Protein backbone atom coordinates (compact mmCIF):
# COMPACT_ATOMS: atom_id res chain seq x y z
CA MET A 1 34.29 16.13 16.28
CA ASP A 2 35.97 12.75 15.49
CA CYS A 3 34.63 9.24 16.07
CA SER A 4 36.21 8.91 19.51
CA ASP A 5 34.51 12.10 20.71
CA ILE A 6 31.16 10.91 19.36
CA MET A 7 31.59 7.56 21.13
CA GLU A 8 32.52 9.36 24.35
CA CYS A 9 29.36 11.47 24.09
CA SER A 10 27.35 8.31 23.50
CA CYS A 11 28.85 6.72 26.60
CA LYS A 12 27.94 9.80 28.61
CA LEU A 13 24.42 9.59 27.19
CA HIS A 14 24.10 5.95 28.23
CA ASP A 15 25.39 6.76 31.73
CA ALA A 16 22.94 9.65 32.05
CA VAL A 17 20.06 7.40 30.97
CA LEU A 18 21.02 4.77 33.54
CA GLU A 19 21.15 7.50 36.19
CA GLY A 20 17.77 8.81 35.02
CA ASN A 21 19.22 12.32 34.72
CA PHE A 22 16.78 13.99 32.34
CA GLU A 23 18.48 17.39 32.28
CA MET A 24 21.90 15.91 31.55
CA ILE A 25 20.46 13.82 28.73
CA LYS A 26 18.77 16.88 27.25
CA ASN A 27 21.99 18.90 27.52
CA ILE A 28 24.06 16.15 25.84
CA LEU A 29 21.61 15.84 22.94
CA GLU A 30 21.34 19.60 22.38
CA THR A 31 24.97 20.68 22.80
CA SER A 32 27.00 17.88 21.21
CA SER A 33 27.16 15.81 18.06
CA CYS A 34 26.11 12.74 19.97
CA ASN A 35 24.63 9.88 17.96
CA VAL A 36 21.41 9.05 19.77
CA ASN A 37 21.40 5.57 18.19
CA GLU A 38 24.99 4.69 19.13
CA THR A 39 25.24 1.21 20.69
CA ASP A 40 27.28 0.23 23.71
CA GLU A 41 29.01 -2.99 22.61
CA LYS A 42 31.20 -3.29 25.69
CA HIS A 43 28.67 -3.21 28.53
CA TRP A 44 25.21 -3.54 27.09
CA ASN A 45 25.41 -6.03 24.21
CA GLY A 46 24.73 -3.54 21.46
CA ARG A 47 21.88 -1.70 23.14
CA THR A 48 21.08 1.93 22.48
CA ALA A 49 20.14 4.62 24.98
CA LEU A 50 16.50 3.94 24.09
CA HIS A 51 16.90 0.28 25.08
CA LEU A 52 18.22 1.37 28.47
CA ALA A 53 15.49 3.97 28.98
CA ALA A 54 12.84 1.39 28.10
CA MET A 55 14.37 -1.04 30.65
CA LYS A 56 14.23 1.63 33.33
CA GLY A 57 10.65 2.57 32.42
CA LYS A 58 11.51 6.27 32.21
CA SER A 59 8.71 7.51 29.98
CA ASP A 60 9.92 11.13 30.01
CA ILE A 61 13.41 10.06 28.87
CA VAL A 62 11.95 7.66 26.28
CA ALA A 63 9.82 10.48 24.89
CA LEU A 64 12.84 12.83 24.72
CA LEU A 65 15.01 10.25 22.93
CA LEU A 66 12.24 9.50 20.43
CA GLU A 67 11.77 13.21 19.72
CA LYS A 68 15.52 13.46 19.07
CA GLY A 69 15.44 10.67 16.49
CA ALA A 70 16.02 7.49 18.46
CA ASP A 71 15.25 4.41 16.34
CA VAL A 72 12.30 2.58 17.91
CA SER A 73 13.12 -0.53 15.81
CA SER A 74 16.84 -0.77 16.66
CA CYS A 75 17.92 -4.25 17.75
CA ASP A 76 20.60 -5.29 20.21
CA ASN A 77 22.93 -8.23 19.60
CA ARG A 78 20.14 -10.67 20.45
CA GLY A 79 17.58 -9.08 18.16
CA ASN A 80 15.66 -7.34 20.94
CA THR A 81 14.03 -3.98 20.25
CA PRO A 82 13.47 -1.47 23.08
CA LEU A 83 9.91 -2.82 23.34
CA HIS A 84 11.30 -6.29 24.14
CA TRP A 85 12.90 -4.84 27.28
CA CYS A 86 9.97 -2.65 28.29
CA GLY A 87 7.70 -3.54 31.22
CA HIS A 88 5.82 -0.31 31.94
CA PRO A 89 2.42 0.44 30.29
CA GLU A 90 3.06 4.15 29.67
CA THR A 91 6.44 3.49 28.08
CA ILE A 92 5.02 0.65 25.97
CA GLU A 93 2.31 2.94 24.61
CA LEU A 94 4.92 5.58 23.76
CA LEU A 95 7.07 3.12 21.82
CA VAL A 96 4.06 1.73 19.94
CA GLU A 97 2.91 5.27 19.12
CA TYR A 98 6.29 5.83 17.43
CA GLY A 99 6.00 2.63 15.41
CA ALA A 100 7.30 -0.21 17.59
CA ASN A 101 6.14 -3.60 16.30
CA VAL A 102 4.49 -5.67 19.04
CA LEU A 103 4.75 -8.81 16.87
CA GLN A 104 8.47 -8.52 16.07
CA CYS A 105 10.51 -11.53 17.16
CA ASN A 106 14.05 -11.53 18.49
CA ASN A 107 16.77 -14.03 17.52
CA ARG A 108 15.05 -16.71 19.64
CA GLY A 109 11.64 -16.09 18.07
CA LEU A 110 10.23 -14.30 21.11
CA THR A 111 7.87 -11.31 20.90
CA PRO A 112 7.84 -8.44 23.42
CA ARG A 113 4.92 -10.16 25.19
CA ASP A 114 6.90 -13.42 25.42
CA MET A 115 9.83 -11.55 26.94
CA ALA A 116 7.53 -9.73 29.36
CA GLU A 117 6.04 -13.04 30.54
CA ARG A 118 9.54 -14.44 31.14
CA ARG A 119 10.42 -11.43 33.30
CA GLY A 120 7.20 -11.72 35.28
CA VAL A 121 5.72 -8.28 34.56
CA SER A 122 2.52 -6.99 36.13
CA GLY A 123 -0.89 -8.15 34.95
CA SER A 124 -1.71 -4.72 33.51
CA THR A 125 1.45 -4.77 31.38
CA HIS A 126 0.72 -8.27 30.13
CA ASP A 127 -2.90 -7.37 29.31
CA LEU A 128 -1.78 -4.25 27.42
CA LEU A 129 0.66 -6.21 25.27
CA CYS A 130 -2.01 -8.85 24.54
CA GLN A 131 -4.48 -6.12 23.54
CA LEU A 132 -1.94 -4.42 21.28
CA GLU A 133 -1.12 -7.74 19.59
CA LEU A 134 -4.83 -8.40 19.00
CA GLU A 135 -5.38 -4.95 17.50
CA VAL A 136 -2.47 -5.41 15.07
CA LYS A 137 -3.70 -8.85 14.00
CA GLU A 138 -7.29 -7.64 13.51
CA SER A 139 -6.06 -4.63 11.55
CA GLY A 140 -3.98 -6.90 9.33
CA ALA A 141 -6.95 -9.22 8.76
CA ARG A 142 -9.21 -6.30 7.77
CA GLY A 143 -6.55 -4.98 5.42
CA HIS A 144 -6.19 -8.42 3.82
CA THR A 145 -9.99 -8.72 3.36
CA LEU A 146 -10.30 -5.26 1.84
CA GLY A 147 -7.32 -5.90 -0.43
CA ALA A 148 -8.80 -9.21 -1.62
CA ALA A 149 -12.17 -7.56 -2.29
CA ALA A 150 -10.52 -4.76 -4.25
CA ASP A 151 -8.50 -7.25 -6.30
CA SER A 152 -11.66 -9.25 -7.02
CA ASP A 153 -13.51 -6.12 -8.16
CA ILE A 154 -10.66 -5.09 -10.44
CA SER A 155 -10.46 -8.62 -11.88
CA SER A 156 -14.22 -8.66 -12.51
CA ARG A 157 -14.17 -5.30 -14.29
CA HIS A 158 -11.20 -6.42 -16.36
CA SER A 159 -13.05 -9.60 -17.38
CA VAL A 160 -16.14 -7.62 -18.46
CA THR A 161 -14.00 -5.20 -20.46
CA MET A 162 -12.13 -7.99 -22.19
CA SER A 163 -15.41 -9.80 -22.92
CA ASN A 164 -16.86 -6.69 -24.56
CA LYS A 165 -13.70 -6.24 -26.61
CA ARG A 166 -13.84 -9.85 -27.74
CA LYS A 167 -17.50 -9.47 -28.77
CA LYS A 168 -16.74 -6.35 -30.83
CA ALA A 169 -13.76 -8.03 -32.44
CA SER A 170 -15.84 -11.12 -33.19
CA SER A 171 -18.56 -9.01 -34.83
CA LYS A 172 -16.02 -7.21 -37.00
CA GLN A 173 -14.39 -10.49 -37.93
CA SER A 174 -17.79 -11.99 -38.87
CA LEU A 175 -18.63 -9.14 -41.25
CA SER A 176 -15.15 -9.19 -42.70
CA GLY A 177 -15.35 -12.95 -43.10
CA LEU A 178 -18.71 -12.70 -44.89
CA TRP A 179 -17.34 -10.26 -47.49
CA GLN A 180 -14.24 -12.41 -47.93
CA GLU A 181 -16.38 -15.52 -48.51
CA CYS A 182 -18.50 -13.73 -51.14
CA ALA A 183 -15.43 -12.46 -52.96
CA SER A 184 -13.88 -15.92 -52.87
CA GLU A 185 -17.03 -17.60 -54.25
CA LEU A 186 -17.66 -15.10 -57.08
CA GLY A 187 -14.12 -14.21 -57.97
CA SER A 188 -12.62 -10.74 -57.81
CA ARG A 189 -14.01 -9.55 -61.19
CA ASN A 190 -17.54 -10.83 -60.62
CA PHE A 191 -17.60 -9.55 -57.08
CA LEU A 192 -16.62 -6.08 -58.31
CA LEU A 193 -19.39 -6.21 -60.93
CA LEU A 194 -21.84 -7.22 -58.20
CA LEU A 195 -20.84 -4.26 -56.06
CA LEU A 196 -21.23 -1.89 -59.03
CA GLY A 197 -24.64 -3.40 -59.78
CA VAL A 198 -25.80 -2.97 -56.19
CA LEU A 199 -24.52 0.62 -56.20
CA GLY A 200 -26.27 1.38 -59.53
CA PHE A 201 -29.52 -0.17 -58.34
CA SER A 202 -29.35 1.85 -55.12
CA LEU A 203 -28.84 5.05 -57.10
CA TYR A 204 -31.74 4.17 -59.42
CA ILE A 205 -34.09 3.59 -56.48
CA ALA A 206 -32.97 6.86 -54.93
CA PHE A 207 -33.58 8.68 -58.22
CA ILE A 208 -37.10 7.20 -58.52
CA LEU A 209 -38.00 8.10 -54.98
CA THR A 210 -36.61 11.63 -55.34
CA GLY A 211 -38.46 12.14 -58.67
CA MET A 212 -41.73 10.93 -57.21
CA HIS A 213 -41.32 13.27 -54.30
CA HIS A 214 -40.71 16.27 -56.58
CA GLY A 215 -43.55 15.19 -58.88
CA SER A 216 -46.05 15.03 -56.09
CA GLY A 217 -45.05 18.49 -55.00
CA SER A 218 -45.51 20.04 -58.46
CA ARG A 219 -48.94 18.62 -59.33
CA ILE A 220 -51.67 21.20 -60.20
CA PRO A 221 -54.80 20.61 -58.19
CA ILE A 222 -57.92 19.88 -60.26
CA GLU A 223 -60.70 22.33 -59.76
CA VAL A 224 -64.14 20.85 -59.46
CA HIS A 225 -66.90 23.02 -60.79
């Protein structure tokens, strides 16, 4: 199927959506290579079939298009998503369930709620959009708080680890510095003689202690008559 055939199928899909013909829409999507996200530039300012279904408030058709891969975030030539054109609670909930962003702005900086207010939708629709906006904002605030707490915890643990490393390094440097100072003061030859003397003295003490231990073990007890 070439591009012209695909565009013709898309036009038929748009017409079927406007007519609200569920069975025809289903048949077009299942039996042709129709692009469900094709836009109608000539009549509908770059809107997709999902835009039109959302306008009509046909929740069954919206659900079918979404199941067939319709892009819930697609924008028309004015930056409006299907949710911007939606005024029916059930259809709004469907779009949001599939990932529609209630805070997304169009080219004029208007959210779906702003657009709904301009069209004069029912109170229940307006309240639903307000509630959905509030939930998204609260969720974002909680995520930001948790993320900041996690970052703080990681930073604290990193600081403790680095502090411990610095203490160990400082201790090693102190011992190393002490030996270097001694060697510098005495000179290499004298320092080496000092080390040999300390080693010899240590061995002598060890020999004395070991001999005393063996001597005490080999003593013959004195018998008292």
